[in-house]
Amino acid sequence: MALSYKNRRRLSLLILVLGLPAYIVLAVTLVNQIERPTIWVELLIYVGLGVLWAFPLKAVFKGIGQANPDAPQDQDEPR
Protein backbone atom coordinates (compact mmCIF):
# COMPACT_ATOMS: atom_id res chain seq x y z
CA MET A 1 0.00 0.00 0.00
CA ALA A 2 1.61 3.22 -1.16
CA LEU A 3 0.61 6.38 0.63
CA SER A 4 0.50 9.67 -1.20
CA TYR A 5 2.91 12.41 -0.21
CA LYS A 6 0.10 14.38 1.45
CA ASN A 7 -1.07 11.37 3.49
CA ARG A 8 2.49 10.47 4.53
CA ARG A 9 3.00 14.05 5.65
CA ARG A 10 -0.18 13.99 7.75
CA LEU A 11 0.66 10.58 9.19
CA SER A 12 4.19 11.67 10.10
CA LEU A 13 2.83 14.72 11.91
CA LEU A 14 0.34 12.55 13.81
CA ILE A 15 3.12 10.13 14.76
CA LEU A 16 5.41 12.91 15.98
CA VAL A 17 2.74 14.80 17.92
CA LEU A 18 0.83 11.90 19.48
CA GLY A 19 2.74 8.67 18.92
CA LEU A 20 6.22 9.71 19.99
CA PRO A 21 5.18 11.15 23.38
CA ALA A 22 3.11 8.01 24.03
CA TYR A 23 6.12 5.86 23.12
CA ILE A 24 8.34 7.86 25.48
CA VAL A 25 5.88 7.38 28.36
CA LEU A 26 5.70 3.66 27.55
CA ALA A 27 9.50 3.33 27.43
CA VAL A 28 9.99 5.13 30.74
CA THR A 29 7.25 3.05 32.35
CA LEU A 30 8.79 -0.20 31.14
CA VAL A 31 12.29 0.76 32.30
CA ASN A 32 10.90 1.75 35.71
CA GLN A 33 9.31 -1.71 36.06
CA ILE A 34 12.72 -3.39 36.20
CA GLU A 35 15.15 -2.94 39.06
CA ARG A 36 17.21 0.21 38.50
CA PRO A 37 20.27 -0.76 36.43
CA THR A 38 23.55 1.12 36.41
CA ILE A 39 23.52 4.49 34.67
CA TRP A 40 25.37 3.12 31.62
CA VAL A 41 22.97 0.22 31.16
CA GLU A 42 20.01 2.57 31.59
CA LEU A 43 21.51 4.96 29.02
CA LEU A 44 22.04 2.08 26.61
CA ILE A 45 18.40 0.99 27.05
CA TYR A 46 17.09 4.50 26.37
CA VAL A 47 19.36 4.99 23.34
CA GLY A 48 18.27 1.60 21.98
CA LEU A 49 14.59 2.39 22.49
CA GLY A 50 15.14 5.85 21.03
CA VAL A 51 16.47 4.41 17.79
CA LEU A 52 14.14 1.39 17.70
CA TRP A 53 10.94 3.39 17.16
CA ALA A 54 12.19 4.91 13.90
CA PHE A 55 12.92 1.70 11.97
CA PRO A 56 9.32 0.56 11.36
CA LEU A 57 8.32 4.13 10.44
CA LYS A 58 11.17 4.80 8.01
CA ALA A 59 8.89 4.53 4.96
CA VAL A 60 6.49 7.12 6.39
CA PHE A 61 9.18 9.71 7.13
CA LYS A 62 11.26 9.20 3.96
CA GLY A 63 11.19 12.30 1.76
CA ILE A 64 8.83 14.33 3.96
CA GLY A 65 11.25 17.26 4.20
CA GLN A 66 11.47 17.52 0.40
CA ALA A 67 9.17 19.43 -1.93
CA ASN A 68 5.95 17.68 -2.94
CA PRO A 69 6.85 15.42 -5.87
CA ASP A 70 3.19 15.28 -6.95
CA ALA A 71 2.86 19.06 -7.29
CA PRO A 72 2.86 20.51 -10.81
CA GLN A 73 6.17 22.05 -11.84
CA ASP A 74 6.35 25.68 -12.95
CA GLN A 75 7.46 25.73 -16.61
CA ASP A 76 8.98 29.25 -16.48
CA GLU A 77 11.39 28.42 -13.68
CA PRO A 78 14.91 27.45 -14.82
CA ARG A 79 16.23 24.13 -13.59
PDB file of N, CA and C in Angstrom:
ATOM      1  N   MET A   1       0.849  -1.176   0.000  1.00  0.00           N
ATOM      2  CA  MET A   1       0.000   0.000   0.000  1.00  0.00           C
ATOM      3  C   MET A   1       0.897   1.242   0.000  1.00  0.00           C
ATOM      4  N   ALA A   2       0.810   2.016  -1.043  1.00  0.00           N
ATOM      5  CA  ALA A   2       1.614   3.223  -1.162  1.00  0.00           C
ATOM      6  C   ALA A   2       0.780   4.434  -0.754  1.00  0.00           C
ATOM      7  N   LEU A   3       1.295   5.171   0.185  1.00  0.00           N
ATOM      8  CA  LEU A   3       0.607   6.378   0.628  1.00  0.00           C
ATOM      9  C   LEU A   3       1.046   7.555  -0.224  1.00  0.00           C
ATOM     10  N   SER A   4       0.134   8.468  -0.462  1.00  0.00           N
ATOM     11  CA  SER A   4       0.502   9.672  -1.204  1.00  0.00           C
ATOM     12  C   SER A   4       1.372  10.553  -0.312  1.00  0.00           C
ATOM     13  N   TYR A   5       2.037  11.494  -0.939  1.00  0.00           N
ATOM     14  CA  TYR A   5       2.908  12.406  -0.206  1.00  0.00           C
ATOM     15  C   TYR A   5       2.119  13.156   0.868  1.00  0.00           C
ATOM     16  N   LYS A   6       0.928  13.624   0.513  1.00  0.00           N
ATOM     17  CA  LYS A   6       0.104  14.382   1.450  1.00  0.00           C
ATOM     18  C   LYS A   6      -0.298  13.520   2.657  1.00  0.00           C
ATOM     19  N   ASN A   7      -0.681  12.264   2.396  1.00  0.00           N
ATOM     20  CA  ASN A   7      -1.067  11.373   3.492  1.00  0.00           C
ATOM     21  C   ASN A   7       0.127  10.984   4.359  1.00  0.00           C
ATOM     22  N   ARG A   8       1.290  10.769   3.733  1.00  0.00           N
ATOM     23  CA  ARG A   8       2.488  10.467   4.526  1.00  0.00           C
ATOM     24  C   ARG A   8       2.862  11.647   5.400  1.00  0.00           C
ATOM     25  N   ARG A   9       2.698  12.847   4.880  1.00  0.00           N
ATOM     26  CA  ARG A   9       3.004  14.049   5.655  1.00  0.00           C
ATOM     27  C   ARG A   9       2.072  14.186   6.860  1.00  0.00           C
ATOM     28  N   ARG A  10       0.792  13.950   6.642  1.00  0.00           N
ATOM     29  CA  ARG A  10      -0.181  13.991   7.746  1.00  0.00           C
ATOM     30  C   ARG A  10       0.093  12.907   8.770  1.00  0.00           C
ATOM     31  N   LEU A  11       0.379  11.698   8.284  1.00  0.00           N
ATOM     32  CA  LEU A  11       0.658  10.585   9.185  1.00  0.00           C
ATOM     33  C   LEU A  11       1.933  10.836   9.996  1.00  0.00           C
ATOM     34  N   SER A  12       2.948  11.388   9.371  1.00  0.00           N
ATOM     35  CA  SER A  12       4.189  11.668  10.098  1.00  0.00           C
ATOM     36  C   SER A  12       3.964  12.724  11.184  1.00  0.00           C
ATOM     37  N   LEU A  13       3.147  13.714  10.896  1.00  0.00           N
ATOM     38  CA  LEU A  13       2.830  14.721  11.911  1.00  0.00           C
ATOM     39  C   LEU A  13       2.068  14.097  13.075  1.00  0.00           C
ATOM     40  N   LEU A  14       1.108  13.240  12.768  1.00  0.00           N
ATOM     41  CA  LEU A  14       0.345  12.554  13.806  1.00  0.00           C
ATOM     42  C   LEU A  14       1.261  11.680  14.663  1.00  0.00           C
ATOM     43  N   ILE A  15       2.180  10.986  14.024  1.00  0.00           N
ATOM     44  CA  ILE A  15       3.118  10.129  14.758  1.00  0.00           C
ATOM     45  C   ILE A  15       4.003  10.968  15.681  1.00  0.00           C
ATOM     46  N   LEU A  16       4.516  12.088  15.177  1.00  0.00           N
ATOM     47  CA  LEU A  16       5.414  12.915  15.979  1.00  0.00           C
ATOM     48  C   LEU A  16       4.696  13.625  17.119  1.00  0.00           C
ATOM     49  N   VAL A  17       3.455  14.036  16.901  1.00  0.00           N
ATOM     50  CA  VAL A  17       2.737  14.804  17.920  1.00  0.00           C
ATOM     51  C   VAL A  17       2.087  13.899  18.965  1.00  0.00           C
ATOM     52  N   LEU A  18       1.529  12.771  18.537  1.00  0.00           N
ATOM     53  CA  LEU A  18       0.830  11.901  19.482  1.00  0.00           C
ATOM     54  C   LEU A  18       1.583  10.604  19.783  1.00  0.00           C
ATOM     55  N   GLY A  19       2.113   9.980  18.750  1.00  0.00           N
ATOM     56  CA  GLY A  19       2.737   8.675  18.924  1.00  0.00           C
ATOM     57  C   GLY A  19       4.051   8.700  19.665  1.00  0.00           C
ATOM     58  N   LEU A  20       4.907   9.646  19.339  1.00  0.00           N
ATOM     59  CA  LEU A  20       6.219   9.707  19.986  1.00  0.00           C
ATOM     60  C   LEU A  20       6.128  10.002  21.486  1.00  0.00           C
ATOM     61  N   PRO A  21       5.316  10.970  21.924  1.00  0.00           N
ATOM     62  CA  PRO A  21       5.183  11.152  23.379  1.00  0.00           C
ATOM     63  C   PRO A  21       4.607   9.917  24.080  1.00  0.00           C
ATOM     64  N   ALA A  22       3.667   9.238  23.439  1.00  0.00           N
ATOM     65  CA  ALA A  22       3.114   8.011  24.032  1.00  0.00           C
ATOM     66  C   ALA A  22       4.186   6.930  24.120  1.00  0.00           C
ATOM     67  N   TYR A  23       5.033   6.835  23.105  1.00  0.00           N
ATOM     68  CA  TYR A  23       6.123   5.864  23.118  1.00  0.00           C
ATOM     69  C   TYR A  23       7.129   6.187  24.218  1.00  0.00           C
ATOM     70  N   ILE A  24       7.399   7.450  24.423  1.00  0.00           N
ATOM     71  CA  ILE A  24       8.337   7.860  25.479  1.00  0.00           C
ATOM     72  C   ILE A  24       7.786   7.480  26.850  1.00  0.00           C
ATOM     73  N   VAL A  25       6.511   7.751  27.074  1.00  0.00           N
ATOM     74  CA  VAL A  25       5.882   7.380  28.355  1.00  0.00           C
ATOM     75  C   VAL A  25       5.935   5.870  28.542  1.00  0.00           C
ATOM     76  N   LEU A  26       5.648   5.117  27.482  1.00  0.00           N
ATOM     77  CA  LEU A  26       5.695   3.658  27.555  1.00  0.00           C
ATOM     78  C   LEU A  26       7.109   3.166  27.858  1.00  0.00           C
ATOM     79  N   ALA A  27       8.112   3.745  27.206  1.00  0.00           N
ATOM     80  CA  ALA A  27       9.499   3.328  27.425  1.00  0.00           C
ATOM     81  C   ALA A  27       9.937   3.607  28.861  1.00  0.00           C
ATOM     82  N   VAL A  28       9.615   4.785  29.365  1.00  0.00           N
ATOM     83  CA  VAL A  28       9.988   5.131  30.741  1.00  0.00           C
ATOM     84  C   VAL A  28       9.271   4.220  31.729  1.00  0.00           C
ATOM     85  N   THR A  29       8.004   3.937  31.469  1.00  0.00           N
ATOM     86  CA  THR A  29       7.249   3.048  32.348  1.00  0.00           C
ATOM     87  C   THR A  29       7.849   1.650  32.360  1.00  0.00           C
ATOM     88  N   LEU A  30       8.209   1.144  31.208  1.00  0.00           N
ATOM     89  CA  LEU A  30       8.793  -0.196  31.142  1.00  0.00           C
ATOM     90  C   LEU A  30      10.152  -0.260  31.831  1.00  0.00           C
ATOM     91  N   VAL A  31      10.976   0.753  31.650  1.00  0.00           N
ATOM     92  CA  VAL A  31      12.293   0.758  32.302  1.00  0.00           C
ATOM     93  C   VAL A  31      12.131   0.883  33.818  1.00  0.00           C
ATOM     94  N   ASN A  32      11.129   1.614  34.268  1.00  0.00           N
ATOM     95  CA  ASN A  32      10.896   1.746  35.708  1.00  0.00           C
ATOM     96  C   ASN A  32      10.379   0.461  36.340  1.00  0.00           C
ATOM     97  N   GLN A  33       9.824  -0.443  35.534  1.00  0.00           N
ATOM     98  CA  GLN A  33       9.314  -1.710  36.057  1.00  0.00           C
ATOM     99  C   GLN A  33      10.442  -2.657  36.478  1.00  0.00           C
ATOM    100  N   ILE A  34      11.594  -2.536  35.828  1.00  0.00           N
ATOM    101  CA  ILE A  34      12.721  -3.394  36.196  1.00  0.00           C
ATOM    102  C   ILE A  34      13.515  -2.712  37.308  1.00  0.00           C
ATOM    103  N   GLU A  35      14.300  -3.503  38.007  1.00  0.00           N
ATOM    104  CA  GLU A  35      15.148  -2.938  39.060  1.00  0.00           C
ATOM    105  C   GLU A  35      16.126  -1.964  38.421  1.00  0.00           C
ATOM    106  N   ARG A  36      16.387  -0.858  39.071  1.00  0.00           N
ATOM    107  CA  ARG A  36      17.215   0.214  38.504  1.00  0.00           C
ATOM    108  C   ARG A  36      18.602  -0.300  38.149  1.00  0.00           C
ATOM    109  N   PRO A  37      18.928  -0.318  36.842  1.00  0.00           N
ATOM    110  CA  PRO A  37      20.268  -0.761  36.432  1.00  0.00           C
ATOM    111  C   PRO A  37      21.280   0.367  36.627  1.00  0.00           C
ATOM    112  N   THR A  38      22.529   0.077  36.333  1.00  0.00           N
ATOM    113  CA  THR A  38      23.547   1.123  36.415  1.00  0.00           C
ATOM    114  C   THR A  38      23.231   2.193  35.383  1.00  0.00           C
ATOM    115  N   ILE A  39      23.820   3.358  35.540  1.00  0.00           N
ATOM    116  CA  ILE A  39      23.520   4.494  34.674  1.00  0.00           C
ATOM    117  C   ILE A  39      23.878   4.190  33.219  1.00  0.00           C
ATOM    118  N   TRP A  40      24.952   3.430  32.989  1.00  0.00           N
ATOM    119  CA  TRP A  40      25.371   3.125  31.624  1.00  0.00           C
ATOM    120  C   TRP A  40      24.419   2.141  30.959  1.00  0.00           C
ATOM    121  N   VAL A  41      23.942   1.173  31.709  1.00  0.00           N
ATOM    122  CA  VAL A  41      22.974   0.218  31.158  1.00  0.00           C
ATOM    123  C   VAL A  41      21.651   0.933  30.875  1.00  0.00           C
ATOM    124  N   GLU A  42      21.243   1.806  31.789  1.00  0.00           N
ATOM    125  CA  GLU A  42      20.011   2.572  31.592  1.00  0.00           C
ATOM    126  C   GLU A  42      20.137   3.483  30.359  1.00  0.00           C
ATOM    127  N   LEU A  43      21.279   4.121  30.197  1.00  0.00           N
ATOM    128  CA  LEU A  43      21.511   4.961  29.025  1.00  0.00           C
ATOM    129  C   LEU A  43      21.453   4.133  27.746  1.00  0.00           C
ATOM    130  N   LEU A  44      22.061   2.959  27.764  1.00  0.00           N
ATOM    131  CA  LEU A  44      22.042   2.075  26.608  1.00  0.00           C
ATOM    132  C   LEU A  44      20.608   1.638  26.263  1.00  0.00           C
ATOM    133  N   ILE A  45      19.805   1.355  27.277  1.00  0.00           N
ATOM    134  CA  ILE A  45      18.401   0.985  27.049  1.00  0.00           C
ATOM    135  C   ILE A  45      17.648   2.132  26.396  1.00  0.00           C
ATOM    136  N   TYR A  46      17.817   3.349  26.925  1.00  0.00           N
ATOM    137  CA  TYR A  46      17.094   4.498  26.367  1.00  0.00           C
ATOM    138  C   TYR A  46      17.566   4.845  24.954  1.00  0.00           C
ATOM    139  N   VAL A  47      18.856   4.723  24.695  1.00  0.00           N
ATOM    140  CA  VAL A  47      19.355   4.989  23.344  1.00  0.00           C
ATOM    141  C   VAL A  47      18.815   3.929  22.379  1.00  0.00           C
ATOM    142  N   GLY A  48      18.817   2.682  22.812  1.00  0.00           N
ATOM    143  CA  GLY A  48      18.272   1.605  21.976  1.00  0.00           C
ATOM    144  C   GLY A  48      16.800   1.802  21.677  1.00  0.00           C
ATOM    145  N   LEU A  49      16.015   2.136  22.702  1.00  0.00           N
ATOM    146  CA  LEU A  49      14.591   2.392  22.491  1.00  0.00           C
ATOM    147  C   LEU A  49      14.364   3.648  21.663  1.00  0.00           C
ATOM    148  N   GLY A  50      15.265   4.618  21.797  1.00  0.00           N
ATOM    149  CA  GLY A  50      15.139   5.849  21.032  1.00  0.00           C
ATOM    150  C   GLY A  50      15.369   5.647  19.550  1.00  0.00           C
ATOM    151  N   VAL A  51      16.204   4.702  19.198  1.00  0.00           N
ATOM    152  CA  VAL A  51      16.467   4.408  17.795  1.00  0.00           C
ATOM    153  C   VAL A  51      15.457   3.398  17.255  1.00  0.00           C
ATOM    154  N   LEU A  52      15.021   2.484  18.097  1.00  0.00           N
ATOM    155  CA  LEU A  52      14.137   1.390  17.696  1.00  0.00           C
ATOM    156  C   LEU A  52      12.807   1.869  17.122  1.00  0.00           C
ATOM    157  N   TRP A  53      12.254   2.946  17.623  1.00  0.00           N
ATOM    158  CA  TRP A  53      10.939   3.392  17.159  1.00  0.00           C
ATOM    159  C   TRP A  53      10.970   3.864  15.713  1.00  0.00           C
ATOM    160  N   ALA A  54      12.110   4.316  15.233  1.00  0.00           N
ATOM    161  CA  ALA A  54      12.186   4.908  13.900  1.00  0.00           C
ATOM    162  C   ALA A  54      12.228   3.864  12.784  1.00  0.00           C
ATOM    163  N   PHE A  55      12.763   2.686  13.038  1.00  0.00           N
ATOM    164  CA  PHE A  55      12.924   1.703  11.971  1.00  0.00           C
ATOM    165  C   PHE A  55      11.611   1.288  11.314  1.00  0.00           C
ATOM    166  N   PRO A  56      10.564   0.947  12.049  1.00  0.00           N
ATOM    167  CA  PRO A  56       9.319   0.559  11.364  1.00  0.00           C
ATOM    168  C   PRO A  56       8.647   1.735  10.645  1.00  0.00           C
ATOM    169  N   LEU A  57       8.973   2.948  11.023  1.00  0.00           N
ATOM    170  CA  LEU A  57       8.318   4.126  10.444  1.00  0.00           C
ATOM    171  C   LEU A  57       9.173   4.818   9.383  1.00  0.00           C
ATOM    172  N   LYS A  58      10.251   4.196   8.982  1.00  0.00           N
ATOM    173  CA  LYS A  58      11.167   4.805   8.014  1.00  0.00           C
ATOM    174  C   LYS A  58      10.460   5.158   6.707  1.00  0.00           C
ATOM    175  N   ALA A  59       9.589   4.290   6.229  1.00  0.00           N
ATOM    176  CA  ALA A  59       8.890   4.534   4.965  1.00  0.00           C
ATOM    177  C   ALA A  59       7.954   5.733   5.056  1.00  0.00           C
ATOM    178  N   VAL A  60       7.395   5.977   6.227  1.00  0.00           N
ATOM    179  CA  VAL A  60       6.485   7.116   6.395  1.00  0.00           C
ATOM    180  C   VAL A  60       7.260   8.424   6.363  1.00  0.00           C
ATOM    181  N   PHE A  61       8.420   8.471   7.001  1.00  0.00           N
ATOM    182  CA  PHE A  61       9.183   9.711   7.126  1.00  0.00           C
ATOM    183  C   PHE A  61      10.089  10.001   5.930  1.00  0.00           C
ATOM    184  N   LYS A  62      10.325   9.024   5.072  1.00  0.00           N
ATOM    185  CA  LYS A  62      11.258   9.197   3.963  1.00  0.00           C
ATOM    186  C   LYS A  62      10.731  10.237   2.963  1.00  0.00           C
ATOM    187  N   GLY A  63      11.518  11.284   2.748  1.00  0.00           N
ATOM    188  CA  GLY A  63      11.186  12.301   1.764  1.00  0.00           C
ATOM    189  C   GLY A  63      10.213  13.364   2.215  1.00  0.00           C
ATOM    190  N   ILE A  64       9.817  13.366   3.471  1.00  0.00           N
ATOM    191  CA  ILE A  64       8.832  14.333   3.955  1.00  0.00           C
ATOM    192  C   ILE A  64       9.388  15.752   3.951  1.00  0.00           C
ATOM    193  N   GLY A  65      10.664  15.929   4.170  1.00  0.00           N
ATOM    194  CA  GLY A  65      11.255  17.263   4.197  1.00  0.00           C
ATOM    195  C   GLY A  65      11.489  17.852   2.809  1.00  0.00           C
ATOM    196  N   GLN A  66      11.260  17.080   1.780  1.00  0.00           N
ATOM    197  CA  GLN A  66      11.467  17.516   0.404  1.00  0.00           C
ATOM    198  C   GLN A  66      10.207  18.211  -0.120  1.00  0.00           C
ATOM    199  N   ALA A  67      10.332  18.832  -1.264  1.00  0.00           N
ATOM    200  CA  ALA A  67       9.171  19.430  -1.925  1.00  0.00           C
ATOM    201  C   ALA A  67       8.233  18.317  -2.388  1.00  0.00           C
ATOM    202  N   ASN A  68       6.959  18.649  -2.520  1.00  0.00           N
ATOM    203  CA  ASN A  68       5.954  17.681  -2.938  1.00  0.00           C
ATOM    204  C   ASN A  68       6.255  17.199  -4.359  1.00  0.00           C
ATOM    205  N   PRO A  69       6.548  15.912  -4.528  1.00  0.00           N
ATOM    206  CA  PRO A  69       6.852  15.416  -5.870  1.00  0.00           C
ATOM    207  C   PRO A  69       5.619  15.337  -6.771  1.00  0.00           C
ATOM    208  N   ASP A  70       4.426  15.365  -6.183  1.00  0.00           N
ATOM    209  CA  ASP A  70       3.190  15.284  -6.952  1.00  0.00           C
ATOM    210  C   ASP A  70       2.709  16.643  -7.428  1.00  0.00           C
ATOM    211  N   ALA A  71       3.295  17.718  -6.925  1.00  0.00           N
ATOM    212  CA  ALA A  71       2.860  19.061  -7.294  1.00  0.00           C
ATOM    213  C   ALA A  71       3.293  19.374  -8.718  1.00  0.00           C
ATOM    214  N   PRO A  72       2.471  20.131  -9.443  1.00  0.00           N
ATOM    215  CA  PRO A  72       2.864  20.510 -10.809  1.00  0.00           C
ATOM    216  C   PRO A  72       4.081  21.436 -10.778  1.00  0.00           C
ATOM    217  N   GLN A  73       4.961  21.242 -11.741  1.00  0.00           N
ATOM    218  CA  GLN A  73       6.174  22.052 -11.836  1.00  0.00           C
ATOM    219  C   GLN A  73       5.887  23.317 -12.631  1.00  0.00           C
ATOM    220  N   ASP A  74       6.486  24.419 -12.231  1.00  0.00           N
ATOM    221  CA  ASP A  74       6.353  25.681 -12.950  1.00  0.00           C
ATOM    222  C   ASP A  74       7.260  25.630 -14.178  1.00  0.00           C
ATOM    223  N   GLN A  75       6.703  25.844 -15.368  1.00  0.00           N
ATOM    224  CA  GLN A  75       7.461  25.726 -16.608  1.00  0.00           C
ATOM    225  C   GLN A  75       8.423  26.877 -16.833  1.00  0.00           C
ATOM    226  N   ASP A  76       8.144  28.057 -16.257  1.00  0.00           N
ATOM    227  CA  ASP A  76       8.975  29.249 -16.481  1.00  0.00           C
ATOM    228  C   ASP A  76      10.233  29.235 -15.627  1.00  0.00           C
ATOM    229  N   GLU A  77      10.262  28.436 -14.605  1.00  0.00           N
ATOM    230  CA  GLU A  77      11.392  28.422 -13.677  1.00  0.00           C
ATOM    231  C   GLU A  77      12.559  27.635 -14.267  1.00  0.00           C
ATOM    232  N   PRO A  78      13.758  28.196 -14.291  1.00  0.00           N
ATOM    233  CA  PRO A  78      14.911  27.450 -14.817  1.00  0.00           C
ATOM    234  C   PRO A  78      15.309  26.331 -13.855  1.00  0.00           C
ATOM    235  N   ARG A  79      15.849  25.280 -14.419  1.00  0.00           N
ATOM    236  CA  ARG A  79      16.234  24.127 -13.592  1.00  0.00           C
ATOM    237  C   ARG A  79      17.656  24.164 -13.237  1.00  0.00           C
TER     238      ARG A  79
END
